[in-house]
Amino acid sequence: MSKILFNGSTHQITLVDSSGNRVSSWPAYNNVDSHATLTHIQNGTYPFQDRVHPHRHHSATADTTDGPYGMYGIFRFSVPRHPGIGLHSGRAHARHAPGPQHATMGCIRTTDEAIAAVIKMVSVSPLTTIEVIGNTGRAAHAATKRNHKHSLHHRHYG
């Protein structure tokens, strides 16, 4: 059984196979919109609801790199009192904070590349859990601000 590790202070997810080997890592953020009922996902281990394929939403903007859940849908996991929280991509070309940094209503957003790799892994090793570490509100917020300033610097000077 495979699992996901999410580090909120480094903004990375890591896919781990059933033997405990780290397959690869990608950028990911738990950058939560101010209108959400959740400020961030607490550190802990959460079981996946969608273990062998992502949940798909059927709408006009679904299944695109710029859709709310990206090309492949969402892998939902159980966060107490917050149904529908999951791991997904999307908003790749948003005007404000595109891609993984784009705000969600509590979810962790990553890249289409990461979700494609997870889909490939779950075809042979279903997802069990996501382990969230380093995702205290203060640490996650500070790292988000640092990364935003860094990207602005590179956009103008890099």
C-alpha atoms as a PDB file:
ATOM      1  CA  MET A   1       0.000   0.000   0.000  1.00  0.00           C
ATOM      2  CA  SER A   2       1.361   3.413  -0.968  1.00  0.00           C
ATOM      3  CA  LYS A   3       1.075   6.677   0.948  1.00  0.00           C
ATOM      4  CA  ILE A   4       1.682  10.398   0.627  1.00  0.00           C
ATOM      5  CA  LEU A   5       3.807  12.578   2.884  1.00  0.00           C
ATOM      6  CA  PHE A   6       3.039  16.313   2.959  1.00  0.00           C
ATOM      7  CA  ASN A   7       5.445  18.767   4.577  1.00  0.00           C
ATOM      8  CA  GLY A   8       3.679  22.089   5.076  1.00  0.00           C
ATOM      9  CA  SER A   9       6.817  24.062   5.881  1.00  0.00           C
ATOM     10  CA  THR A  10       8.751  22.940   2.786  1.00  0.00           C
ATOM     11  CA  HIS A  11       5.641  22.759   0.577  1.00  0.00           C
ATOM     12  CA  GLN A  12       6.386  19.302  -0.791  1.00  0.00           C
ATOM     13  CA  ILE A  13       4.467  16.071  -1.201  1.00  0.00           C
ATOM     14  CA  THR A  14       6.346  12.813  -1.463  1.00  0.00           C
ATOM     15  CA  LEU A  15       4.913   9.606  -2.891  1.00  0.00           C
ATOM     16  CA  VAL A  16       6.014   6.519  -0.939  1.00  0.00           C
ATOM     17  CA  ASP A  17       5.572   3.018  -2.371  1.00  0.00           C
ATOM     18  CA  SER A  18       4.450  -0.099  -0.491  1.00  0.00           C
ATOM     19  CA  SER A  19       8.063  -0.970   0.409  1.00  0.00           C
ATOM     20  CA  GLY A  20       8.617   2.425   2.046  1.00  0.00           C
ATOM     21  CA  ASN A  21      10.723   3.802  -0.818  1.00  0.00           C
ATOM     22  CA  ARG A  22      10.317   7.446  -1.711  1.00  0.00           C
ATOM     23  CA  VAL A  23       9.269   7.498  -5.367  1.00  0.00           C
ATOM     24  CA  SER A  24       9.396  11.245  -6.042  1.00  0.00           C
ATOM     25  CA  SER A  25       8.480  14.667  -4.630  1.00  0.00           C
ATOM     26  CA  TRP A  26       6.617  17.660  -6.032  1.00  0.00           C
ATOM     27  CA  PRO A  27       5.614  21.137  -4.891  1.00  0.00           C
ATOM     28  CA  ALA A  28       2.369  21.250  -2.912  1.00  0.00           C
ATOM     29  CA  TYR A  29       0.612  23.829  -0.743  1.00  0.00           C
ATOM     30  CA  ASN A  30      -2.118  23.888   1.862  1.00  0.00           C
ATOM     31  CA  ASN A  31      -2.779  27.543   1.050  1.00  0.00           C
ATOM     32  CA  VAL A  32      -6.335  27.965   2.349  1.00  0.00           C
ATOM     33  CA  ASP A  33      -8.719  30.687   1.173  1.00  0.00           C
ATOM     34  CA  SER A  34      -9.805  33.092   3.904  1.00  0.00           C
ATOM     35  CA  HIS A  35     -13.461  32.113   3.307  1.00  0.00           C
ATOM     36  CA  ALA A  36     -12.861  28.441   4.154  1.00  0.00           C
ATOM     37  CA  THR A  37     -14.008  26.882   7.428  1.00  0.00           C
ATOM     38  CA  LEU A  38     -10.523  25.412   7.918  1.00  0.00           C
ATOM     39  CA  THR A  39      -7.322  27.452   8.331  1.00  0.00           C
ATOM     40  CA  HIS A  40      -4.978  24.558   7.503  1.00  0.00           C
ATOM     41  CA  ILE A  41      -4.810  20.797   7.829  1.00  0.00           C
ATOM     42  CA  GLN A  42      -3.487  19.865  11.264  1.00  0.00           C
ATOM     43  CA  ASN A  43      -0.371  17.691  11.512  1.00  0.00           C
ATOM     44  CA  GLY A  44      -1.379  14.037  11.633  1.00  0.00           C
ATOM     45  CA  THR A  45      -2.143  10.976   9.549  1.00  0.00           C
ATOM     46  CA  TYR A  46      -5.398  10.791   7.604  1.00  0.00           C
ATOM     47  CA  PRO A  47      -6.895   7.801   5.738  1.00  0.00           C
ATOM     48  CA  PHE A  48      -7.675   8.174   2.042  1.00  0.00           C
ATOM     49  CA  GLN A  49     -11.276   7.736   0.890  1.00  0.00           C
ATOM     50  CA  ASP A  50     -10.208   7.476  -2.759  1.00  0.00           C
ATOM     51  CA  ARG A  51      -7.624   4.710  -2.626  1.00  0.00           C
ATOM     52  CA  VAL A  52      -7.462   3.326  -6.186  1.00  0.00           C
ATOM     53  CA  HIS A  53      -8.546   6.244  -8.380  1.00  0.00           C
ATOM     54  CA  PRO A  54      -9.323   9.933  -7.909  1.00  0.00           C
ATOM     55  CA  HIS A  55     -12.836  11.278  -7.492  1.00  0.00           C
ATOM     56  CA  ARG A  56     -13.929  13.115 -10.651  1.00  0.00           C
ATOM     57  CA  HIS A  57     -16.162  16.176 -10.753  1.00  0.00           C
ATOM     58  CA  HIS A  58     -18.250  16.592 -13.873  1.00  0.00           C
ATOM     59  CA  SER A  59     -18.495  20.232 -14.915  1.00  0.00           C
ATOM     60  CA  ALA A  60     -17.517  22.473 -17.812  1.00  0.00           C
ATOM     61  CA  THR A  61     -14.161  23.319 -16.197  1.00  0.00           C
ATOM     62  CA  ALA A  62     -13.362  19.875 -14.811  1.00  0.00           C
ATOM     63  CA  ASP A  63     -10.452  17.856 -16.169  1.00  0.00           C
ATOM     64  CA  THR A  64      -8.320  20.764 -17.395  1.00  0.00           C
ATOM     65  CA  THR A  65      -5.043  22.124 -16.064  1.00  0.00           C
ATOM     66  CA  ASP A  66      -6.900  25.304 -15.117  1.00  0.00           C
ATOM     67  CA  GLY A  67      -9.942  23.591 -13.585  1.00  0.00           C
ATOM     68  CA  PRO A  68     -10.468  23.567  -9.826  1.00  0.00           C
ATOM     69  CA  TYR A  69      -9.120  19.995  -9.469  1.00  0.00           C
ATOM     70  CA  GLY A  70      -6.749  19.784 -12.431  1.00  0.00           C
ATOM     71  CA  MET A  71      -6.581  17.167 -15.169  1.00  0.00           C
ATOM     72  CA  TYR A  72      -7.216  14.111 -13.004  1.00  0.00           C
ATOM     73  CA  GLY A  73      -9.617  14.872 -10.134  1.00  0.00           C
ATOM     74  CA  ILE A  74      -9.141  14.739  -6.372  1.00  0.00           C
ATOM     75  CA  PHE A  75      -7.895  12.063  -3.977  1.00  0.00           C
ATOM     76  CA  ARG A  76     -10.088  12.755  -0.946  1.00  0.00           C
ATOM     77  CA  PHE A  77      -8.972  11.919   2.573  1.00  0.00           C
ATOM     78  CA  SER A  78     -10.799  12.042   5.893  1.00  0.00           C
ATOM     79  CA  VAL A  79     -10.252  15.217   7.919  1.00  0.00           C
ATOM     80  CA  PRO A  80     -12.631  15.269  10.897  1.00  0.00           C
ATOM     81  CA  ARG A  81     -15.492  17.785  10.516  1.00  0.00           C
ATOM     82  CA  HIS A  82     -14.270  18.808   7.020  1.00  0.00           C
ATOM     83  CA  PRO A  83     -15.674  16.502   4.307  1.00  0.00           C
ATOM     84  CA  GLY A  84     -14.289  16.809   0.794  1.00  0.00           C
ATOM     85  CA  ILE A  85     -10.700  17.699   1.730  1.00  0.00           C
ATOM     86  CA  GLY A  86      -8.169  16.107  -0.567  1.00  0.00           C
ATOM     87  CA  LEU A  87      -5.095  16.241  -2.764  1.00  0.00           C
ATOM     88  CA  HIS A  88      -5.486  17.667  -6.262  1.00  0.00           C
ATOM     89  CA  SER A  89      -3.916  19.964  -8.842  1.00  0.00           C
ATOM     90  CA  GLY A  90      -5.503  22.703 -10.965  1.00  0.00           C
ATOM     91  CA  ARG A  91      -5.474  26.454 -11.537  1.00  0.00           C
ATOM     92  CA  ALA A  92      -2.154  26.097 -13.398  1.00  0.00           C
ATOM     93  CA  HIS A  93      -2.479  29.478 -15.137  1.00  0.00           C
ATOM     94  CA  ALA A  94      -4.470  31.469 -12.559  1.00  0.00           C
ATOM     95  CA  ARG A  95      -3.663  35.192 -12.484  1.00  0.00           C
ATOM     96  CA  HIS A  96      -2.965  35.167  -8.739  1.00  0.00           C
ATOM     97  CA  ALA A  97      -0.678  32.469  -7.311  1.00  0.00           C
ATOM     98  CA  PRO A  98      -0.990  29.960 -10.172  1.00  0.00           C
ATOM     99  CA  GLY A  99      -0.585  26.224  -9.785  1.00  0.00           C
ATOM    100  CA  PRO A 100       0.166  24.603  -6.418  1.00  0.00           C
ATOM    101  CA  GLN A 101       0.221  27.968  -4.616  1.00  0.00           C
ATOM    102  CA  HIS A 102      -3.350  28.833  -5.664  1.00  0.00           C
ATOM    103  CA  ALA A 103      -5.681  28.896  -2.653  1.00  0.00           C
ATOM    104  CA  THR A 104      -8.128  26.079  -1.935  1.00  0.00           C
ATOM    105  CA  MET A 105     -11.014  25.633   0.482  1.00  0.00           C
ATOM    106  CA  GLY A 106      -8.763  23.486   2.682  1.00  0.00           C
ATOM    107  CA  CYS A 107      -7.224  20.998   0.255  1.00  0.00           C
ATOM    108  CA  ILE A 108      -3.582  20.414  -0.626  1.00  0.00           C
ATOM    109  CA  ARG A 109      -2.878  21.522  -4.203  1.00  0.00           C
ATOM    110  CA  THR A 110       0.005  20.089  -6.231  1.00  0.00           C
ATOM    111  CA  THR A 111       0.826  19.633  -9.929  1.00  0.00           C
ATOM    112  CA  ASP A 112      -0.830  17.549 -12.654  1.00  0.00           C
ATOM    113  CA  GLU A 113       2.487  15.696 -12.932  1.00  0.00           C
ATOM    114  CA  ALA A 114       2.268  14.663  -9.264  1.00  0.00           C
ATOM    115  CA  ILE A 115      -1.348  13.493  -9.537  1.00  0.00           C
ATOM    116  CA  ALA A 116      -0.497  11.504 -12.706  1.00  0.00           C
ATOM    117  CA  ALA A 117       2.300   9.749 -10.778  1.00  0.00           C
ATOM    118  CA  VAL A 118      -0.074   8.962  -7.901  1.00  0.00           C
ATOM    119  CA  ILE A 119      -2.608   7.521 -10.360  1.00  0.00           C
ATOM    120  CA  LYS A 120       0.091   5.311 -11.864  1.00  0.00           C
ATOM    121  CA  MET A 121       1.151   4.126  -8.376  1.00  0.00           C
ATOM    122  CA  VAL A 122      -2.385   3.354  -7.145  1.00  0.00           C
ATOM    123  CA  SER A 123      -2.991   1.096 -10.128  1.00  0.00           C
ATOM    124  CA  VAL A 124      -0.626  -1.385  -8.422  1.00  0.00           C
ATOM    125  CA  SER A 125      -0.585  -0.175  -4.795  1.00  0.00           C
ATOM    126  CA  PRO A 126      -3.684   1.540  -3.343  1.00  0.00           C
ATOM    127  CA  LEU A 127      -3.255   4.670  -1.232  1.00  0.00           C
ATOM    128  CA  THR A 128      -3.617   4.194   2.496  1.00  0.00           C
ATOM    129  CA  THR A 129      -2.813   7.478   4.227  1.00  0.00           C
ATOM    130  CA  ILE A 130      -1.488  10.977   3.910  1.00  0.00           C
ATOM    131  CA  GLU A 131       0.865  12.061   6.683  1.00  0.00           C
ATOM    132  CA  VAL A 132       0.899  15.817   7.286  1.00  0.00           C
ATOM    133  CA  ILE A 133       3.949  17.282   9.051  1.00  0.00           C
ATOM    134  CA  GLY A 134       5.311  20.798   9.531  1.00  0.00           C
ATOM    135  CA  ASN A 135       1.925  22.296   8.763  1.00  0.00           C
ATOM    136  CA  THR A 136       1.321  24.493  11.759  1.00  0.00           C
ATOM    137  CA  GLY A 137      -0.549  27.615  10.770  1.00  0.00           C
ATOM    138  CA  ARG A 138       2.415  29.852  11.588  1.00  0.00           C
ATOM    139  CA  ALA A 139       5.069  27.724   9.827  1.00  0.00           C
ATOM    140  CA  ALA A 140       2.954  27.149   6.728  1.00  0.00           C
ATOM    141  CA  HIS A 141       2.024  30.841   6.476  1.00  0.00           C
ATOM    142  CA  ALA A 142       5.652  31.995   6.913  1.00  0.00           C
ATOM    143  CA  ALA A 143       6.917  29.565   4.268  1.00  0.00           C
ATOM    144  CA  THR A 144       4.177  30.658   1.872  1.00  0.00           C
ATOM    145  CA  LYS A 145       5.199  34.307   2.312  1.00  0.00           C
ATOM    146  CA  ARG A 146       8.898  33.434   1.778  1.00  0.00           C
ATOM    147  CA  ASN A 147       8.145  31.456  -1.368  1.00  0.00           C
ATOM    148  CA  HIS A 148       5.866  34.218  -2.704  1.00  0.00           C
ATOM    149  CA  LYS A 149       8.599  36.866  -2.175  1.00  0.00           C
ATOM    150  CA  HIS A 150      11.158  34.529  -3.779  1.00  0.00           C
ATOM    151  CA  SER A 151       8.963  33.972  -6.847  1.00  0.00           C
ATOM    152  CA  LEU A 152       8.297  37.720  -7.166  1.00  0.00           C
ATOM    153  CA  HIS A 153      12.038  38.392  -6.992  1.00  0.00           C
ATOM    154  CA  HIS A 154      12.748  35.855  -9.745  1.00  0.00           C
ATOM    155  CA  ARG A 155       9.863  37.077 -11.850  1.00  0.00           C
ATOM    156  CA  HIS A 156      11.256  40.628 -11.838  1.00  0.00           C
ATOM    157  CA  TYR A 157      14.996  39.981 -11.514  1.00  0.00           C
ATOM    158  CA  GLY A 158      15.651  36.322 -12.354  1.00  0.00           C
END
